[in-house]
Amino acid sequence: MAGRNQETEPQRMAEGCPVEFTLDLIGGKWKGIVLYHLIDGTKRFNEFRRICPSMTQRMLTLQLRELETDGLIHREVYRQVPPKVEYSLTPLGRTLVPLILQMKAWGETHQKDILAKKMPVEQG
């Protein structure tokens, strides 16, 4: 018999805070960036590599896989040589577009001030 502390991850998330749930889906360093770049349309794996050169191939693969598993992106595999794989937003993923664009606007508005506060004060 499972106790209260032995809830499964989906059970815990279903009962938790909606903000926590959303951040879990799109949080982390790269998921939001991947979603943002899919707003303009379909992308291939190597396009993401060029857009985000500091993201490792392994990390990109993991992030794309998680976003696909969560139903936010679609992975289309074309049976050709060489193989071709494209990624796009699903209808569910498209519902995040206003949120992602609002986060972009917020960053544009506040980035400079916040970074200025983090800069060390010059000693002189």
C-alpha atoms as a PDB file:
ATOM      1  CA  MET A   1       0.000   0.000   0.000  1.00  0.00           C
ATOM      2  CA  ALA A   2       1.485   3.326  -1.075  1.00  0.00           C
ATOM      3  CA  GLY A   3       1.749   6.044   1.521  1.00  0.00           C
ATOM      4  CA  ARG A   4       1.287   9.748   1.012  1.00  0.00           C
ATOM      5  CA  ASN A   5       4.997  10.318   0.509  1.00  0.00           C
ATOM      6  CA  GLN A   6       5.102   7.751  -2.287  1.00  0.00           C
ATOM      7  CA  GLU A   7       3.021   9.719  -4.798  1.00  0.00           C
ATOM      8  CA  THR A   8       4.109   9.492  -8.387  1.00  0.00           C
ATOM      9  CA  GLU A   9       5.547  12.571 -10.083  1.00  0.00           C
ATOM     10  CA  PRO A  10       2.411  13.113 -12.249  1.00  0.00           C
ATOM     11  CA  GLN A  11       0.198  12.867  -9.141  1.00  0.00           C
ATOM     12  CA  ARG A  12       2.334  15.368  -7.254  1.00  0.00           C
ATOM     13  CA  MET A  13       2.351  17.808 -10.165  1.00  0.00           C
ATOM     14  CA  ALA A  14      -1.411  17.483 -10.713  1.00  0.00           C
ATOM     15  CA  GLU A  15      -2.006  18.537  -7.131  1.00  0.00           C
ATOM     16  CA  GLY A  16       0.637  21.272  -7.047  1.00  0.00           C
ATOM     17  CA  CYS A  17       0.801  24.907  -7.946  1.00  0.00           C
ATOM     18  CA  PRO A  18      -0.056  25.690 -11.601  1.00  0.00           C
ATOM     19  CA  VAL A  19       2.888  28.105 -11.783  1.00  0.00           C
ATOM     20  CA  GLU A  20       5.246  25.370 -10.573  1.00  0.00           C
ATOM     21  CA  PHE A  21       3.744  22.984 -13.130  1.00  0.00           C
ATOM     22  CA  THR A  22       4.224  25.466 -15.990  1.00  0.00           C
ATOM     23  CA  LEU A  23       7.769  26.344 -14.957  1.00  0.00           C
ATOM     24  CA  ASP A  24       8.585  22.645 -14.763  1.00  0.00           C
ATOM     25  CA  LEU A  25       7.430  22.214 -18.370  1.00  0.00           C
ATOM     26  CA  ILE A  26       9.225  25.219 -19.853  1.00  0.00           C
ATOM     27  CA  GLY A  27      11.837  25.948 -17.189  1.00  0.00           C
ATOM     28  CA  GLY A  28      15.530  25.402 -17.307  1.00  0.00           C
ATOM     29  CA  LYS A  29      18.118  27.221 -19.317  1.00  0.00           C
ATOM     30  CA  TRP A  30      17.142  26.033 -22.796  1.00  0.00           C
ATOM     31  CA  LYS A  31      13.494  24.980 -23.136  1.00  0.00           C
ATOM     32  CA  GLY A  32      12.134  28.519 -23.324  1.00  0.00           C
ATOM     33  CA  ILE A  33      14.761  29.429 -25.905  1.00  0.00           C
ATOM     34  CA  VAL A  34      13.902  26.398 -28.040  1.00  0.00           C
ATOM     35  CA  LEU A  35      10.199  27.257 -27.836  1.00  0.00           C
ATOM     36  CA  TYR A  36      10.907  30.907 -28.661  1.00  0.00           C
ATOM     37  CA  HIS A  37      12.785  29.996 -31.839  1.00  0.00           C
ATOM     38  CA  LEU A  38       9.985  27.669 -32.939  1.00  0.00           C
ATOM     39  CA  ILE A  39       7.505  30.571 -32.890  1.00  0.00           C
ATOM     40  CA  ASP A  40       8.820  31.613 -36.315  1.00  0.00           C
ATOM     41  CA  GLY A  41       8.306  28.126 -37.721  1.00  0.00           C
ATOM     42  CA  THR A  42       9.843  24.722 -38.179  1.00  0.00           C
ATOM     43  CA  LYS A  43      13.505  24.208 -37.291  1.00  0.00           C
ATOM     44  CA  ARG A  44      15.955  21.387 -37.848  1.00  0.00           C
ATOM     45  CA  PHE A  45      18.394  20.088 -35.242  1.00  0.00           C
ATOM     46  CA  ASN A  46      21.442  21.811 -36.739  1.00  0.00           C
ATOM     47  CA  GLU A  47      19.563  25.118 -36.943  1.00  0.00           C
ATOM     48  CA  PHE A  48      19.208  24.975 -33.164  1.00  0.00           C
ATOM     49  CA  ARG A  49      22.935  24.202 -32.911  1.00  0.00           C
ATOM     50  CA  ARG A  50      23.690  27.394 -34.876  1.00  0.00           C
ATOM     51  CA  ILE A  51      21.164  29.498 -32.929  1.00  0.00           C
ATOM     52  CA  CYS A  52      22.416  28.261 -29.531  1.00  0.00           C
ATOM     53  CA  PRO A  53      26.100  27.395 -29.994  1.00  0.00           C
ATOM     54  CA  SER A  54      26.758  27.129 -26.255  1.00  0.00           C
ATOM     55  CA  MET A  55      24.140  24.372 -25.856  1.00  0.00           C
ATOM     56  CA  THR A  56      25.699  20.925 -26.138  1.00  0.00           C
ATOM     57  CA  GLN A  57      24.317  18.413 -28.605  1.00  0.00           C
ATOM     58  CA  ARG A  58      23.346  16.139 -25.718  1.00  0.00           C
ATOM     59  CA  MET A  59      21.486  18.940 -23.922  1.00  0.00           C
ATOM     60  CA  LEU A  60      19.644  19.938 -27.095  1.00  0.00           C
ATOM     61  CA  THR A  61      18.623  16.329 -27.650  1.00  0.00           C
ATOM     62  CA  LEU A  62      17.355  16.038 -24.058  1.00  0.00           C
ATOM     63  CA  GLN A  63      15.429  19.323 -24.195  1.00  0.00           C
ATOM     64  CA  LEU A  64      13.797  18.471 -27.532  1.00  0.00           C
ATOM     65  CA  ARG A  65      12.877  15.006 -26.252  1.00  0.00           C
ATOM     66  CA  GLU A  66      11.295  16.418 -23.069  1.00  0.00           C
ATOM     67  CA  LEU A  67       9.348  19.066 -24.984  1.00  0.00           C
ATOM     68  CA  GLU A  68       8.115  16.377 -27.383  1.00  0.00           C
ATOM     69  CA  THR A  69       7.154  14.033 -24.527  1.00  0.00           C
ATOM     70  CA  ASP A  70       5.198  16.870 -22.889  1.00  0.00           C
ATOM     71  CA  GLY A  71       3.326  17.495 -26.145  1.00  0.00           C
ATOM     72  CA  LEU A  72       4.702  20.998 -26.713  1.00  0.00           C
ATOM     73  CA  ILE A  73       6.629  20.254 -29.901  1.00  0.00           C
ATOM     74  CA  HIS A  74       6.224  17.831 -32.791  1.00  0.00           C
ATOM     75  CA  ARG A  75       9.116  15.870 -34.278  1.00  0.00           C
ATOM     76  CA  GLU A  76       8.667  15.027 -37.957  1.00  0.00           C
ATOM     77  CA  VAL A  77      11.021  12.406 -39.383  1.00  0.00           C
ATOM     78  CA  TYR A  78      11.351  12.287 -43.163  1.00  0.00           C
ATOM     79  CA  ARG A  79      12.392   8.935 -44.572  1.00  0.00           C
ATOM     80  CA  GLN A  80      15.121  10.053 -46.947  1.00  0.00           C
ATOM     81  CA  VAL A  81      18.876   9.941 -47.314  1.00  0.00           C
ATOM     82  CA  PRO A  82      20.361  11.773 -45.539  1.00  0.00           C
ATOM     83  CA  PRO A  83      17.711  11.613 -42.795  1.00  0.00           C
ATOM     84  CA  LYS A  84      15.781  14.806 -42.188  1.00  0.00           C
ATOM     85  CA  VAL A  85      14.080  15.692 -38.887  1.00  0.00           C
ATOM     86  CA  GLU A  86      12.100  18.875 -38.269  1.00  0.00           C
ATOM     87  CA  TYR A  87      10.645  20.299 -35.075  1.00  0.00           C
ATOM     88  CA  SER A  88       7.586  22.518 -34.764  1.00  0.00           C
ATOM     89  CA  LEU A  89       5.187  23.725 -32.099  1.00  0.00           C
ATOM     90  CA  THR A  90       2.095  21.635 -31.497  1.00  0.00           C
ATOM     91  CA  PRO A  91      -1.275  23.332 -30.934  1.00  0.00           C
ATOM     92  CA  LEU A  92      -0.586  22.978 -27.191  1.00  0.00           C
ATOM     93  CA  GLY A  93       2.873  24.498 -27.657  1.00  0.00           C
ATOM     94  CA  ARG A  94       1.320  27.406 -29.595  1.00  0.00           C
ATOM     95  CA  THR A  95      -0.734  28.281 -26.502  1.00  0.00           C
ATOM     96  CA  LEU A  96       2.570  29.266 -24.854  1.00  0.00           C
ATOM     97  CA  VAL A  97       3.438  31.855 -27.536  1.00  0.00           C
ATOM     98  CA  PRO A  98       1.812  34.821 -25.718  1.00  0.00           C
ATOM     99  CA  LEU A  99       3.596  33.850 -22.491  1.00  0.00           C
ATOM    100  CA  ILE A 100       6.968  33.491 -24.232  1.00  0.00           C
ATOM    101  CA  LEU A 101       6.568  36.813 -26.054  1.00  0.00           C
ATOM    102  CA  GLN A 102       5.585  38.496 -22.786  1.00  0.00           C
ATOM    103  CA  MET A 103       8.717  37.083 -21.123  1.00  0.00           C
ATOM    104  CA  LYS A 104      10.766  38.473 -24.021  1.00  0.00           C
ATOM    105  CA  ALA A 105       9.164  41.908 -23.623  1.00  0.00           C
ATOM    106  CA  TRP A 106       9.761  41.836 -19.865  1.00  0.00           C
ATOM    107  CA  GLY A 107      13.418  40.954 -20.440  1.00  0.00           C
ATOM    108  CA  GLU A 108      13.836  43.763 -22.960  1.00  0.00           C
ATOM    109  CA  THR A 109      12.346  46.215 -20.465  1.00  0.00           C
ATOM    110  CA  HIS A 110      14.267  45.157 -17.358  1.00  0.00           C
ATOM    111  CA  GLN A 111      17.460  43.417 -18.495  1.00  0.00           C
ATOM    112  CA  LYS A 112      19.696  46.497 -18.525  1.00  0.00           C
ATOM    113  CA  ASP A 113      18.688  47.692 -15.048  1.00  0.00           C
ATOM    114  CA  ILE A 114      18.985  44.270 -13.439  1.00  0.00           C
ATOM    115  CA  LEU A 115      22.383  43.577 -15.001  1.00  0.00           C
ATOM    116  CA  ALA A 116      23.604  47.020 -13.941  1.00  0.00           C
ATOM    117  CA  LYS A 117      22.735  46.193 -10.322  1.00  0.00           C
ATOM    118  CA  LYS A 118      24.744  42.981 -10.557  1.00  0.00           C
ATOM    119  CA  MET A 119      27.884  44.718 -11.823  1.00  0.00           C
ATOM    120  CA  PRO A 120      30.526  45.113  -9.118  1.00  0.00           C
ATOM    121  CA  VAL A 121      31.032  48.666  -7.936  1.00  0.00           C
ATOM    122  CA  GLU A 122      34.409  49.990  -9.092  1.00  0.00           C
ATOM    123  CA  GLN A 123      36.844  50.567  -6.279  1.00  0.00           C
ATOM    124  CA  GLY A 124      38.687  53.766  -6.647  1.00  0.00           C
END
